[in-house]
Amino acid sequence: MEPTAPTTTTSQPQAEASPKGFAAASLDELRKVVWPSRQQLFSESVAVILMVSLSAAAIAAVDRFYGWAATQVFR
């Protein structure tokens, strides 16, 4: 028995191929989204800003340390 080649069919209807169908499908998907509350958005934004700031400070500290160490070694 020889394996048969899989048939390829498009799963999208023709209506979604047009810009109007794409916009309608996009709006349908956006209606399904569970949007965060104002408090959740604020607290998660603060957490992201805090973690980015701490990461930047840690990277700056390591960079300064290695810069200092390089000046000590390569004087």
PDB file of N, CA and C in Angstrom:
ATOM      1  N   MET A   1       0.833  -1.184   0.000  1.00  0.00           N
ATOM      2  CA  MET A   1       0.000   0.000   0.000  1.00  0.00           C
ATOM      3  C   MET A   1       0.875   1.244   0.000  1.00  0.00           C
ATOM      4  N   GLU A   2       0.548   2.147  -0.851  1.00  0.00           N
ATOM      5  CA  GLU A   2       1.286   3.402  -0.897  1.00  0.00           C
ATOM      6  C   GLU A   2       0.545   4.448  -0.077  1.00  0.00           C
ATOM      7  N   PRO A   3       1.305   5.284   0.649  1.00  0.00           N
ATOM      8  CA  PRO A   3       0.623   6.348   1.414  1.00  0.00           C
ATOM      9  C   PRO A   3       0.040   7.379   0.461  1.00  0.00           C
ATOM     10  N   THR A   4      -1.104   7.855   0.813  1.00  0.00           N
ATOM     11  CA  THR A   4      -1.748   8.856  -0.020  1.00  0.00           C
ATOM     12  C   THR A   4      -1.379  10.239   0.473  1.00  0.00           C
ATOM     13  N   ALA A   5      -1.280  11.157  -0.438  1.00  0.00           N
ATOM     14  CA  ALA A   5      -0.951  12.532  -0.085  1.00  0.00           C
ATOM     15  C   ALA A   5      -2.166  13.171   0.578  1.00  0.00           C
ATOM     16  N   PRO A   6      -1.930  13.938   1.642  1.00  0.00           N
ATOM     17  CA  PRO A   6      -3.074  14.586   2.299  1.00  0.00           C
ATOM     18  C   PRO A   6      -3.667  15.650   1.391  1.00  0.00           C
ATOM     19  N   THR A   7      -4.954  15.741   1.447  1.00  0.00           N
ATOM     20  CA  THR A   7      -5.626  16.755   0.647  1.00  0.00           C
ATOM     21  C   THR A   7      -5.638  18.050   1.431  1.00  0.00           C
ATOM     22  N   THR A   8      -5.427  19.139   0.743  1.00  0.00           N
ATOM     23  CA  THR A   8      -5.415  20.438   1.410  1.00  0.00           C
ATOM     24  C   THR A   8      -6.689  21.175   1.066  1.00  0.00           C
ATOM     25  N   THR A   9      -7.400  21.557   2.093  1.00  0.00           N
ATOM     26  CA  THR A   9      -8.601  22.355   1.908  1.00  0.00           C
ATOM     27  C   THR A   9      -8.490  23.554   2.835  1.00  0.00           C
ATOM     28  N   THR A  10      -9.031  24.639   2.411  1.00  0.00           N
ATOM     29  CA  THR A  10      -9.010  25.817   3.262  1.00  0.00           C
ATOM     30  C   THR A  10     -10.163  25.717   4.238  1.00  0.00           C
ATOM     31  N   SER A  11      -9.861  26.019   5.506  1.00  0.00           N
ATOM     32  CA  SER A  11     -10.901  25.944   6.520  1.00  0.00           C
ATOM     33  C   SER A  11     -11.646  27.260   6.654  1.00  0.00           C
ATOM     34  N   GLN A  12     -11.168  28.311   5.976  1.00  0.00           N
ATOM     35  CA  GLN A  12     -11.829  29.598   6.065  1.00  0.00           C
ATOM     36  C   GLN A  12     -12.889  29.714   4.980  1.00  0.00           C
ATOM     37  N   PRO A  13     -14.048  30.199   5.360  1.00  0.00           N
ATOM     38  CA  PRO A  13     -15.054  30.456   4.332  1.00  0.00           C
ATOM     39  C   PRO A  13     -14.619  31.625   3.455  1.00  0.00           C
ATOM     40  N   GLN A  14     -15.194  31.713   2.282  1.00  0.00           N
ATOM     41  CA  GLN A  14     -14.840  32.773   1.348  1.00  0.00           C
ATOM     42  C   GLN A  14     -15.184  34.148   1.891  1.00  0.00           C
ATOM     43  N   ALA A  15     -16.180  34.274   2.746  1.00  0.00           N
ATOM     44  CA  ALA A  15     -16.587  35.581   3.258  1.00  0.00           C
ATOM     45  C   ALA A  15     -15.471  36.213   4.083  1.00  0.00           C
ATOM     46  N   GLU A  16     -14.687  35.401   4.797  1.00  0.00           N
ATOM     47  CA  GLU A  16     -13.618  35.939   5.633  1.00  0.00           C
ATOM     48  C   GLU A  16     -12.409  36.368   4.815  1.00  0.00           C
ATOM     49  N   ALA A  17     -12.343  35.975   3.547  1.00  0.00           N
ATOM     50  CA  ALA A  17     -11.216  36.346   2.716  1.00  0.00           C
ATOM     51  C   ALA A  17     -11.304  37.812   2.310  1.00  0.00           C
ATOM     52  N   SER A  18     -12.477  38.375   2.306  1.00  0.00           N
ATOM     53  CA  SER A  18     -12.634  39.782   1.941  1.00  0.00           C
ATOM     54  C   SER A  18     -12.338  40.663   3.161  1.00  0.00           C
ATOM     55  N   PRO A  19     -11.973  41.906   2.938  1.00  0.00           N
ATOM     56  CA  PRO A  19     -11.709  42.810   4.067  1.00  0.00           C
ATOM     57  C   PRO A  19     -12.918  42.987   4.983  1.00  0.00           C
ATOM     58  N   LYS A  20     -14.113  42.995   4.411  1.00  0.00           N
ATOM     59  CA  LYS A  20     -15.314  43.150   5.227  1.00  0.00           C
ATOM     60  C   LYS A  20     -15.515  41.927   6.123  1.00  0.00           C
ATOM     61  N   GLY A  21     -15.289  40.745   5.572  1.00  0.00           N
ATOM     62  CA  GLY A  21     -15.414  39.524   6.365  1.00  0.00           C
ATOM     63  C   GLY A  21     -14.356  39.443   7.451  1.00  0.00           C
ATOM     64  N   PHE A  22     -13.155  39.924   7.140  1.00  0.00           N
ATOM     65  CA  PHE A  22     -12.090  39.930   8.137  1.00  0.00           C
ATOM     66  C   PHE A  22     -12.435  40.856   9.290  1.00  0.00           C
ATOM     67  N   ALA A  23     -12.964  42.036   8.979  1.00  0.00           N
ATOM     68  CA  ALA A  23     -13.343  42.996  10.018  1.00  0.00           C
ATOM     69  C   ALA A  23     -14.458  42.425  10.889  1.00  0.00           C
ATOM     70  N   ALA A  24     -15.418  41.785  10.288  1.00  0.00           N
ATOM     71  CA  ALA A  24     -16.529  41.199  11.049  1.00  0.00           C
ATOM     72  C   ALA A  24     -16.026  40.077  11.951  1.00  0.00           C
ATOM     73  N   ALA A  25     -15.142  39.242  11.422  1.00  0.00           N
ATOM     74  CA  ALA A  25     -14.595  38.149  12.230  1.00  0.00           C
ATOM     75  C   ALA A  25     -13.748  38.696  13.373  1.00  0.00           C
ATOM     76  N   SER A  26     -13.007  39.768  13.104  1.00  0.00           N
ATOM     77  CA  SER A  26     -12.191  40.384  14.154  1.00  0.00           C
ATOM     78  C   SER A  26     -13.067  40.952  15.261  1.00  0.00           C
ATOM     79  N   LEU A  27     -14.151  41.620  14.887  1.00  0.00           N
ATOM     80  CA  LEU A  27     -15.067  42.159  15.897  1.00  0.00           C
ATOM     81  C   LEU A  27     -15.713  41.042  16.707  1.00  0.00           C
ATOM     82  N   ASP A  28     -16.052  39.934  16.060  1.00  0.00           N
ATOM     83  CA  ASP A  28     -16.617  38.795  16.787  1.00  0.00           C
ATOM     84  C   ASP A  28     -15.625  38.269  17.820  1.00  0.00           C
ATOM     85  N   GLU A  29     -14.358  38.186  17.450  1.00  0.00           N
ATOM     86  CA  GLU A  29     -13.338  37.706  18.381  1.00  0.00           C
ATOM     87  C   GLU A  29     -13.131  38.701  19.524  1.00  0.00           C
ATOM     88  N   LEU A  30     -13.156  39.990  19.236  1.00  0.00           N
ATOM     89  CA  LEU A  30     -12.976  40.995  20.283  1.00  0.00           C
ATOM     90  C   LEU A  30     -14.118  40.977  21.287  1.00  0.00           C
ATOM     91  N   ARG A  31     -15.302  40.582  20.854  1.00  0.00           N
ATOM     92  CA  ARG A  31     -16.429  40.474  21.788  1.00  0.00           C
ATOM     93  C   ARG A  31     -16.246  39.317  22.770  1.00  0.00           C
ATOM     94  N   LYS A  32     -15.423  38.327  22.402  1.00  0.00           N
ATOM     95  CA  LYS A  32     -15.190  37.173  23.269  1.00  0.00           C
ATOM     96  C   LYS A  32     -14.113  37.432  24.321  1.00  0.00           C
ATOM     97  N   VAL A  33     -13.365  38.526  24.164  1.00  0.00           N
ATOM     98  CA  VAL A  33     -12.249  38.815  25.068  1.00  0.00           C
ATOM     99  C   VAL A  33     -12.780  39.204  26.436  1.00  0.00           C
ATOM    100  N   VAL A  34     -12.154  38.679  27.487  1.00  0.00           N
ATOM    101  CA  VAL A  34     -12.488  39.078  28.846  1.00  0.00           C
ATOM    102  C   VAL A  34     -11.509  40.183  29.224  1.00  0.00           C
ATOM    103  N   TRP A  35     -11.986  41.420  29.240  1.00  0.00           N
ATOM    104  CA  TRP A  35     -11.138  42.568  29.496  1.00  0.00           C
ATOM    105  C   TRP A  35     -10.898  42.712  30.990  1.00  0.00           C
ATOM    106  N   PRO A  36      -9.691  43.143  31.399  1.00  0.00           N
ATOM    107  CA  PRO A  36      -9.404  43.295  32.837  1.00  0.00           C
ATOM    108  C   PRO A  36     -10.124  44.514  33.413  1.00  0.00           C
ATOM    109  N   SER A  37     -10.339  44.457  34.731  1.00  0.00           N
ATOM    110  CA  SER A  37     -10.941  45.607  35.398  1.00  0.00           C
ATOM    111  C   SER A  37      -9.891  46.710  35.524  1.00  0.00           C
ATOM    112  N   ARG A  38     -10.327  47.902  35.873  1.00  0.00           N
ATOM    113  CA  ARG A  38      -9.412  49.031  36.015  1.00  0.00           C
ATOM    114  C   ARG A  38      -8.386  48.752  37.115  1.00  0.00           C
ATOM    115  N   GLN A  39      -8.828  48.168  38.228  1.00  0.00           N
ATOM    116  CA  GLN A  39      -7.922  47.867  39.341  1.00  0.00           C
ATOM    117  C   GLN A  39      -6.901  46.796  38.928  1.00  0.00           C
ATOM    118  N   GLN A  40      -7.334  45.771  38.238  1.00  0.00           N
ATOM    119  CA  GLN A  40      -6.431  44.717  37.790  1.00  0.00           C
ATOM    120  C   GLN A  40      -5.423  45.269  36.785  1.00  0.00           C
ATOM    121  N   LEU A  41      -5.873  46.111  35.871  1.00  0.00           N
ATOM    122  CA  LEU A  41      -4.984  46.720  34.894  1.00  0.00           C
ATOM    123  C   LEU A  41      -3.933  47.585  35.576  1.00  0.00           C
ATOM    124  N   PHE A  42      -4.345  48.382  36.564  1.00  0.00           N
ATOM    125  CA  PHE A  42      -3.418  49.248  37.281  1.00  0.00           C
ATOM    126  C   PHE A  42      -2.402  48.430  38.069  1.00  0.00           C
ATOM    127  N   SER A  43      -2.851  47.422  38.807  1.00  0.00           N
ATOM    128  CA  SER A  43      -1.927  46.652  39.640  1.00  0.00           C
ATOM    129  C   SER A  43      -0.941  45.852  38.797  1.00  0.00           C
ATOM    130  N   GLU A  44      -1.396  45.305  37.689  1.00  0.00           N
ATOM    131  CA  GLU A  44      -0.484  44.553  36.827  1.00  0.00           C
ATOM    132  C   GLU A  44       0.488  45.480  36.102  1.00  0.00           C
ATOM    133  N   SER A  45       0.039  46.681  35.759  1.00  0.00           N
ATOM    134  CA  SER A  45       0.942  47.656  35.137  1.00  0.00           C
ATOM    135  C   SER A  45       2.028  48.074  36.126  1.00  0.00           C
ATOM    136  N   VAL A  46       1.657  48.296  37.376  1.00  0.00           N
ATOM    137  CA  VAL A  46       2.640  48.649  38.401  1.00  0.00           C
ATOM    138  C   VAL A  46       3.635  47.500  38.587  1.00  0.00           C
ATOM    139  N   ALA A  47       3.157  46.277  38.591  1.00  0.00           N
ATOM    140  CA  ALA A  47       4.049  45.123  38.743  1.00  0.00           C
ATOM    141  C   ALA A  47       5.033  45.034  37.580  1.00  0.00           C
ATOM    142  N   VAL A  48       4.576  45.278  36.367  1.00  0.00           N
ATOM    143  CA  VAL A  48       5.463  45.223  35.202  1.00  0.00           C
ATOM    144  C   VAL A  48       6.504  46.333  35.277  1.00  0.00           C
ATOM    145  N   ILE A  49       6.074  47.544  35.603  1.00  0.00           N
ATOM    146  CA  ILE A  49       7.012  48.670  35.693  1.00  0.00           C
ATOM    147  C   ILE A  49       8.038  48.417  36.796  1.00  0.00           C
ATOM    148  N   LEU A  50       7.605  47.874  37.922  1.00  0.00           N
ATOM    149  CA  LEU A  50       8.522  47.567  39.021  1.00  0.00           C
ATOM    150  C   LEU A  50       9.543  46.507  38.612  1.00  0.00           C
ATOM    151  N   MET A  51       9.092  45.440  37.966  1.00  0.00           N
ATOM    152  CA  MET A  51      10.016  44.378  37.561  1.00  0.00           C
ATOM    153  C   MET A  51      10.993  44.854  36.496  1.00  0.00           C
ATOM    154  N   VAL A  52      10.543  45.676  35.573  1.00  0.00           N
ATOM    155  CA  VAL A  52      11.439  46.210  34.544  1.00  0.00           C
ATOM    156  C   VAL A  52      12.481  47.118  35.190  1.00  0.00           C
ATOM    157  N   SER A  53      12.058  47.942  36.148  1.00  0.00           N
ATOM    158  CA  SER A  53      12.992  48.831  36.842  1.00  0.00           C
ATOM    159  C   SER A  53      14.017  48.043  37.642  1.00  0.00           C
ATOM    160  N   LEU A  54      13.573  47.013  38.350  1.00  0.00           N
ATOM    161  CA  LEU A  54      14.502  46.188  39.125  1.00  0.00           C
ATOM    162  C   LEU A  54      15.467  45.439  38.210  1.00  0.00           C
ATOM    163  N   SER A  55      14.971  44.945  37.099  1.00  0.00           N
ATOM    164  CA  SER A  55      15.848  44.250  36.150  1.00  0.00           C
ATOM    165  C   SER A  55      16.875  45.203  35.558  1.00  0.00           C
ATOM    166  N   ALA A  56      16.451  46.411  35.215  1.00  0.00           N
ATOM    167  CA  ALA A  56      17.383  47.404  34.661  1.00  0.00           C
ATOM    168  C   ALA A  56      18.437  47.774  35.692  1.00  0.00           C
ATOM    169  N   ALA A  57      18.046  47.920  36.960  1.00  0.00           N
ATOM    170  CA  ALA A  57      19.001  48.250  38.014  1.00  0.00           C
ATOM    171  C   ALA A  57      19.995  47.110  38.218  1.00  0.00           C
ATOM    172  N   ALA A  58      19.527  45.882  38.182  1.00  0.00           N
ATOM    173  CA  ALA A  58      20.422  44.732  38.349  1.00  0.00           C
ATOM    174  C   ALA A  58      21.403  44.640  37.184  1.00  0.00           C
ATOM    175  N   ILE A  59      20.938  44.845  35.974  1.00  0.00           N
ATOM    176  CA  ILE A  59      21.823  44.793  34.808  1.00  0.00           C
ATOM    177  C   ILE A  59      22.841  45.924  34.871  1.00  0.00           C
ATOM    178  N   ALA A  60      22.417  47.129  35.292  1.00  0.00           N
ATOM    179  CA  ALA A  60      23.336  48.256  35.422  1.00  0.00           C
ATOM    180  C   ALA A  60      24.393  47.972  36.486  1.00  0.00           C
ATOM    181  N   ALA A  61      23.985  47.351  37.599  1.00  0.00           N
ATOM    182  CA  ALA A  61      24.942  47.035  38.663  1.00  0.00           C
ATOM    183  C   ALA A  61      25.980  46.023  38.182  1.00  0.00           C
ATOM    184  N   VAL A  62      25.536  44.989  37.480  1.00  0.00           N
ATOM    185  CA  VAL A  62      26.474  43.985  36.957  1.00  0.00           C
ATOM    186  C   VAL A  62      27.397  44.629  35.925  1.00  0.00           C
ATOM    187  N   ASP A  63      26.873  45.493  35.078  1.00  0.00           N
ATOM    188  CA  ASP A  63      27.681  46.176  34.068  1.00  0.00           C
ATOM    189  C   ASP A  63      28.742  47.061  34.730  1.00  0.00           C
ATOM    190  N   ARG A  64      28.355  47.816  35.745  1.00  0.00           N
ATOM    191  CA  ARG A  64      29.331  48.669  36.442  1.00  0.00           C
ATOM    192  C   ARG A  64      30.393  47.828  37.137  1.00  0.00           C
ATOM    193  N   PHE A  65      29.990  46.703  37.726  1.00  0.00           N
ATOM    194  CA  PHE A  65      30.959  45.845  38.394  1.00  0.00           C
ATOM    195  C   PHE A  65      31.988  45.312  37.406  1.00  0.00           C
ATOM    196  N   TYR A  66      31.498  44.795  36.268  1.00  0.00           N
ATOM    197  CA  TYR A  66      32.426  44.266  35.276  1.00  0.00           C
ATOM    198  C   TYR A  66      33.279  45.370  34.653  1.00  0.00           C
ATOM    199  N   GLY A  67      32.725  46.577  34.513  1.00  0.00           N
ATOM    200  CA  GLY A  67      33.516  47.699  34.036  1.00  0.00           C
ATOM    201  C   GLY A  67      34.624  48.052  35.015  1.00  0.00           C
ATOM    202  N   TRP A  68      34.279  48.078  36.301  1.00  0.00           N
ATOM    203  CA  TRP A  68      35.274  48.349  37.339  1.00  0.00           C
ATOM    204  C   TRP A  68      36.338  47.258  37.361  1.00  0.00           C
ATOM    205  N   ALA A  69      35.915  45.983  37.281  1.00  0.00           N
ATOM    206  CA  ALA A  69      36.860  44.876  37.295  1.00  0.00           C
ATOM    207  C   ALA A  69      37.791  44.925  36.083  1.00  0.00           C
ATOM    208  N   ALA A  70      37.265  45.307  34.940  1.00  0.00           N
ATOM    209  CA  ALA A  70      38.101  45.395  33.747  1.00  0.00           C
ATOM    210  C   ALA A  70      39.143  46.488  33.895  1.00  0.00           C
ATOM    211  N   THR A  71      38.788  47.620  34.517  1.00  0.00           N
ATOM    212  CA  THR A  71      39.787  48.672  34.717  1.00  0.00           C
ATOM    213  C   THR A  71      40.858  48.245  35.700  1.00  0.00           C
ATOM    214  N   GLN A  72      40.508  47.400  36.664  1.00  0.00           N
ATOM    215  CA  GLN A  72      41.492  46.913  37.621  1.00  0.00           C
ATOM    216  C   GLN A  72      42.460  45.918  36.966  1.00  0.00           C
ATOM    217  N   VAL A  73      41.965  45.109  36.074  1.00  0.00           N
ATOM    218  CA  VAL A  73      42.788  44.089  35.429  1.00  0.00           C
ATOM    219  C   VAL A  73      43.642  44.690  34.319  1.00  0.00           C
ATOM    220  N   PHE A  74      43.078  45.593  33.515  1.00  0.00           N
ATOM    221  CA  PHE A  74      43.745  46.079  32.315  1.00  0.00           C
ATOM    222  C   PHE A  74      44.289  47.492  32.468  1.00  0.00           C
ATOM    223  N   ARG A  75      44.803  47.848  33.630  1.00  0.00           N
ATOM    224  CA  ARG A  75      45.403  49.168  33.814  1.00  0.00           C
ATOM    225  C   ARG A  75      46.647  49.336  33.030  1.00  0.00           C
TER     226      ARG A  75
END
